[in-house]
Amino acid sequence: MELSPLPARSVVLSLMLGSHPARWTPAQLAAAGTHFGVAASTLRTALTRAVAAGDLERIDGDYVLGERLARRQRHQDEAVEDAGTAWDGAWEMAVVVVTGRSGPERAALREALTEHRLAELREGVWTRPANLRRRRGYADEPVLSTFRAVPDGDPGELAAELWDLPGWAATGRRLLDDLAVPAAPSVRLAVAAGVVRHLAGDPLLPADLLPADWPGTALRTAYADYAITLRETLQA
């Protein structure tokens, strides 16, 4: 697959989203910019705009993630922590119990439920297998009633109805192939960023509900290996 290098701002944000802790000095970012072919002046402009947009913050002269991206990083980490968790067959369910909310309020609620990896079974009814250890933060929403339930039908068929599992798997395998191909650092970073975005959409279903060739674990492992190699390269 033909990929273009990421713009300077995306380079910075991708690096910081993959870092723990996500705190970089200006000198470290300058060195990273050099590695990825980003000119110093371009990097400075990108950092200034990222801070102005709230994507980054300055603390004692260092750069850290803003709240929105810090939340995204926690969402990324959740996939690693929850992968392979045991499942007792129960499902989480959230039902919207009121109407009359504004468009932005409805959109924010949908985003929150999606971030918690629920899918909409029908209008106002969201569900997923209850196999994740993460806190059900959406349960604090006053406009929701939440339940644990067991479907009467085949849970595998229900999962296939809620998520496009073959489509997700096909894209995942393509990203694995792309990440394995030797390429310029900037292009490999673009592929790695694509992997992270794709993993954010992994429904993290129990193994019993997944196709036999599901690439989720392989993707997480490949990205972790890439991140280790990149960190060692930049430190050197």
Protein backbone atom coordinates (compact mmCIF):
# COMPACT_ATOMS: atom_id res chain seq x y z
CA MET A 1 0.00 0.00 0.00
CA GLU A 2 1.36 3.42 -0.96
CA LEU A 3 1.62 5.71 2.08
CA SER A 4 2.72 9.30 2.50
CA PRO A 5 4.72 10.54 5.49
CA LEU A 6 2.71 12.14 8.27
CA PRO A 7 2.69 15.94 8.59
CA ALA A 8 4.85 17.37 11.39
CA ARG A 9 2.01 17.78 13.87
CA SER A 10 0.86 14.20 13.37
CA VAL A 11 4.44 12.98 13.83
CA VAL A 12 4.62 14.68 17.23
CA LEU A 13 1.20 13.51 18.40
CA SER A 14 1.77 9.93 17.22
CA LEU A 15 5.07 9.76 19.10
CA MET A 16 3.57 11.13 22.29
CA LEU A 17 0.48 8.93 22.14
CA GLY A 18 2.80 5.91 22.02
CA SER A 19 4.94 7.07 24.95
CA HIS A 20 4.62 6.26 28.64
CA PRO A 21 4.88 8.69 30.25
CA ALA A 22 3.88 11.00 27.40
CA ARG A 23 6.24 13.81 28.35
CA TRP A 24 8.93 15.08 25.97
CA THR A 25 11.46 17.86 26.23
CA PRO A 26 11.90 20.26 23.30
CA ALA A 27 15.33 18.71 22.67
CA GLN A 28 13.87 15.20 22.49
CA LEU A 29 11.20 16.33 20.05
CA ALA A 30 13.78 18.13 17.94
CA ALA A 31 15.87 14.95 17.73
CA ALA A 32 12.79 12.94 16.81
CA GLY A 33 11.90 15.48 14.15
CA THR A 34 15.34 15.08 12.60
CA HIS A 35 14.90 11.30 12.55
CA PHE A 36 11.63 11.66 10.65
CA GLY A 37 12.85 14.36 8.29
CA VAL A 38 10.95 17.25 9.89
CA ALA A 39 12.77 20.57 9.72
CA ALA A 40 13.30 22.37 13.03
CA SER A 41 11.27 25.41 11.98
CA THR A 42 8.41 23.19 10.81
CA LEU A 43 8.49 21.30 14.09
CA ARG A 44 8.35 24.50 16.15
CA THR A 45 5.33 25.70 14.17
CA ALA A 46 3.61 22.33 14.64
CA LEU A 47 4.21 22.40 18.39
CA THR A 48 2.88 25.95 18.70
CA ARG A 49 -0.30 25.04 16.84
CA ALA A 50 -0.77 21.81 18.82
CA VAL A 51 -0.58 23.75 22.09
CA ALA A 52 -2.98 26.40 20.79
CA ALA A 53 -5.47 23.68 19.78
CA GLY A 54 -5.26 21.98 23.19
CA ASP A 55 -3.67 18.82 21.79
CA LEU A 56 -0.53 19.49 23.86
CA GLU A 57 0.22 21.39 27.07
CA ARG A 58 3.44 22.84 28.47
CA ILE A 59 4.54 21.80 31.97
CA ASP A 60 7.84 23.16 33.27
CA GLY A 61 9.00 23.63 29.70
CA ASP A 62 8.15 20.07 28.60
CA TYR A 63 5.33 18.95 26.33
CA VAL A 64 2.54 16.65 27.55
CA LEU A 65 -0.71 15.46 26.02
CA GLY A 66 -3.81 17.61 26.42
CA GLU A 67 -6.85 16.06 28.10
CA ARG A 68 -8.54 14.90 24.88
CA LEU A 69 -5.47 13.04 23.68
CA ALA A 70 -4.67 11.75 27.17
CA ARG A 71 -8.15 10.18 27.11
CA ARG A 72 -7.38 8.67 23.71
CA GLN A 73 -4.15 7.20 25.07
CA ARG A 74 -6.05 5.61 27.96
CA HIS A 75 -8.43 4.15 25.37
CA GLN A 76 -5.44 2.69 23.49
CA ASP A 77 -4.00 1.21 26.67
CA GLU A 78 -7.35 -0.35 27.52
CA ALA A 79 -7.04 -2.61 24.49
CA VAL A 80 -3.78 -4.05 25.81
CA GLU A 81 -5.05 -4.45 29.37
CA ASP A 82 -8.36 -6.06 28.42
CA ALA A 83 -7.25 -8.35 25.60
CA GLY A 84 -7.86 -11.97 26.50
CA THR A 85 -9.98 -11.29 29.61
CA ALA A 86 -12.15 -14.23 30.71
CA TRP A 87 -15.88 -14.06 29.94
CA ASP A 88 -18.87 -15.62 31.73
CA GLY A 89 -21.37 -15.16 28.88
CA ALA A 90 -23.01 -11.97 30.20
CA TRP A 91 -23.44 -8.80 28.15
CA GLU A 92 -23.41 -5.13 29.15
CA MET A 93 -26.45 -3.15 28.05
CA ALA A 94 -27.18 0.58 28.13
CA VAL A 95 -30.62 1.95 27.24
CA VAL A 96 -31.29 5.64 26.57
CA VAL A 97 -34.31 6.53 28.70
CA VAL A 98 -35.06 10.15 27.77
CA THR A 99 -35.47 12.21 24.60
CA GLY A 100 -35.39 15.89 23.81
CA ARG A 101 -31.63 16.33 24.06
CA SER A 102 -29.77 18.59 21.66
CA GLY A 103 -27.83 17.26 18.69
CA PRO A 104 -24.42 17.87 20.33
CA GLU A 105 -25.61 16.09 23.50
CA ARG A 106 -26.75 13.07 21.51
CA ALA A 107 -23.49 13.02 19.58
CA ALA A 108 -21.45 13.21 22.80
CA LEU A 109 -23.39 10.30 24.29
CA ARG A 110 -22.89 8.18 21.17
CA GLU A 111 -19.19 8.97 21.24
CA ALA A 112 -18.92 7.98 24.90
CA LEU A 113 -20.68 4.67 24.31
CA THR A 114 -18.55 3.95 21.25
CA GLU A 115 -15.37 4.75 23.19
CA HIS A 116 -16.47 2.13 25.71
CA ARG A 117 -16.70 -0.29 22.75
CA LEU A 118 -20.45 -0.76 22.85
CA ALA A 119 -22.44 -1.12 19.62
CA GLU A 120 -25.99 0.03 18.91
CA LEU A 121 -28.35 -2.94 18.63
CA ARG A 122 -31.28 -0.68 17.78
CA GLU A 123 -31.97 2.99 18.35
CA GLY A 124 -31.14 3.83 21.95
CA VAL A 125 -30.06 0.29 22.90
CA TRP A 126 -26.31 -0.33 23.19
CA THR A 127 -24.60 -3.55 24.17
CA ARG A 128 -21.45 -5.68 24.15
CA PRO A 129 -20.08 -8.78 25.91
CA ALA A 130 -19.22 -8.00 29.54
CA ASN A 131 -15.65 -9.26 29.26
CA LEU A 132 -13.74 -5.99 29.81
CA ARG A 133 -12.11 -4.98 33.08
CA ARG A 134 -12.36 -1.26 32.35
CA ARG A 135 -14.71 0.83 34.45
CA ARG A 136 -18.16 1.35 32.89
CA GLY A 137 -17.80 5.13 32.89
CA TYR A 138 -20.87 5.56 30.70
CA ALA A 139 -23.03 4.16 33.55
CA ASP A 140 -22.72 7.55 35.27
CA GLU A 141 -24.81 9.16 32.52
CA PRO A 142 -28.20 10.14 34.01
CA VAL A 143 -29.95 9.49 30.69
CA LEU A 144 -29.05 5.81 30.64
CA SER A 145 -30.33 2.70 32.36
CA THR A 146 -27.67 -0.03 32.48
CA PHE A 147 -28.02 -3.79 32.79
CA ARG A 148 -26.20 -7.10 32.58
CA ALA A 149 -28.02 -9.67 30.48
CA VAL A 150 -27.58 -12.92 28.57
CA PRO A 151 -28.95 -13.08 24.98
CA ASP A 152 -31.50 -15.79 24.21
CA GLY A 153 -29.98 -16.38 20.77
CA ASP A 154 -26.51 -17.29 19.54
CA PRO A 155 -24.04 -14.69 20.92
CA GLY A 156 -21.77 -15.26 17.93
CA GLU A 157 -24.54 -14.28 15.54
CA LEU A 158 -25.31 -11.21 17.65
CA ALA A 159 -21.65 -10.15 17.59
CA ALA A 160 -21.54 -10.59 13.81
CA GLU A 161 -24.63 -8.39 13.54
CA LEU A 162 -23.16 -5.62 15.68
CA TRP A 163 -19.62 -5.48 14.23
CA ASP A 164 -18.14 -5.97 10.76
CA LEU A 165 -15.64 -8.56 11.95
CA PRO A 166 -14.46 -9.74 8.48
CA GLY A 167 -13.88 -6.15 7.38
CA TRP A 168 -11.93 -5.24 10.52
CA ALA A 169 -9.83 -8.39 10.23
CA ALA A 170 -9.02 -7.78 6.55
CA THR A 171 -7.81 -4.23 7.26
CA GLY A 172 -5.82 -5.50 10.23
CA ARG A 173 -4.01 -8.11 8.15
CA ARG A 174 -3.18 -5.49 5.51
CA LEU A 175 -1.71 -3.22 8.19
CA LEU A 176 0.36 -6.11 9.52
CA ASP A 177 1.78 -6.67 6.05
CA ASP A 178 2.51 -2.94 5.64
CA LEU A 179 4.29 -2.75 8.99
CA ALA A 180 6.51 -5.70 8.05
CA VAL A 181 7.77 -4.00 4.86
CA PRO A 182 11.08 -2.09 5.23
CA ALA A 183 10.47 1.60 4.56
CA ALA A 184 11.67 5.08 5.45
CA PRO A 185 11.13 6.00 9.13
CA SER A 186 8.43 8.54 8.27
CA VAL A 187 6.46 6.00 6.24
CA ARG A 188 6.75 3.33 8.94
CA LEU A 189 5.46 5.83 11.48
CA ALA A 190 2.47 6.51 9.21
CA VAL A 191 1.74 2.77 9.11
CA ALA A 192 2.11 2.51 12.89
CA ALA A 193 -0.31 5.41 13.35
CA GLY A 194 -2.76 3.54 11.13
CA VAL A 195 -2.38 0.48 13.34
CA VAL A 196 -3.18 2.53 16.45
CA ARG A 197 -6.28 4.03 14.82
CA HIS A 198 -7.42 0.59 13.73
CA LEU A 199 -6.91 -0.93 17.17
CA ALA A 200 -9.11 1.81 18.63
CA GLY A 201 -11.96 0.16 16.73
CA ASP A 202 -11.22 -3.37 17.94
CA PRO A 203 -14.41 -4.46 19.75
CA LEU A 204 -12.28 -6.61 22.10
CA LEU A 205 -14.72 -9.50 21.95
CA PRO A 206 -14.23 -12.77 23.82
CA ALA A 207 -12.18 -15.28 21.84
CA ASP A 208 -15.24 -17.53 21.47
CA LEU A 209 -16.97 -14.84 19.39
CA LEU A 210 -14.07 -14.03 17.06
CA PRO A 211 -13.13 -15.52 13.67
CA ALA A 212 -10.31 -18.05 13.86
CA ASP A 213 -7.83 -15.76 12.07
CA TRP A 214 -8.55 -12.61 14.09
CA PRO A 215 -5.42 -10.36 13.88
CA GLY A 216 -5.99 -8.26 17.02
CA THR A 217 -3.27 -9.82 19.17
CA ALA A 218 -0.80 -9.90 16.29
CA LEU A 219 -1.43 -6.20 15.60
CA ARG A 220 -0.86 -5.22 19.23
CA THR A 221 2.33 -7.28 19.35
CA ALA A 222 3.65 -5.83 16.09
CA TYR A 223 2.96 -2.27 17.24
CA ALA A 224 4.61 -2.90 20.62
CA ASP A 225 7.72 -4.27 18.87
CA TYR A 226 7.80 -1.24 16.57
CA ALA A 227 7.45 1.14 19.51
CA ILE A 228 10.32 -0.52 21.38
CA THR A 229 12.60 -0.38 18.35
CA LEU A 230 11.69 3.25 17.69
CA ARG A 231 12.31 4.25 21.30
CA GLU A 232 15.73 2.56 21.27
CA THR A 233 16.60 4.27 17.98
CA LEU A 234 15.65 7.72 19.27
CA GLN A 235 17.49 7.20 22.55
CA ALA A 236 20.59 6.23 20.62
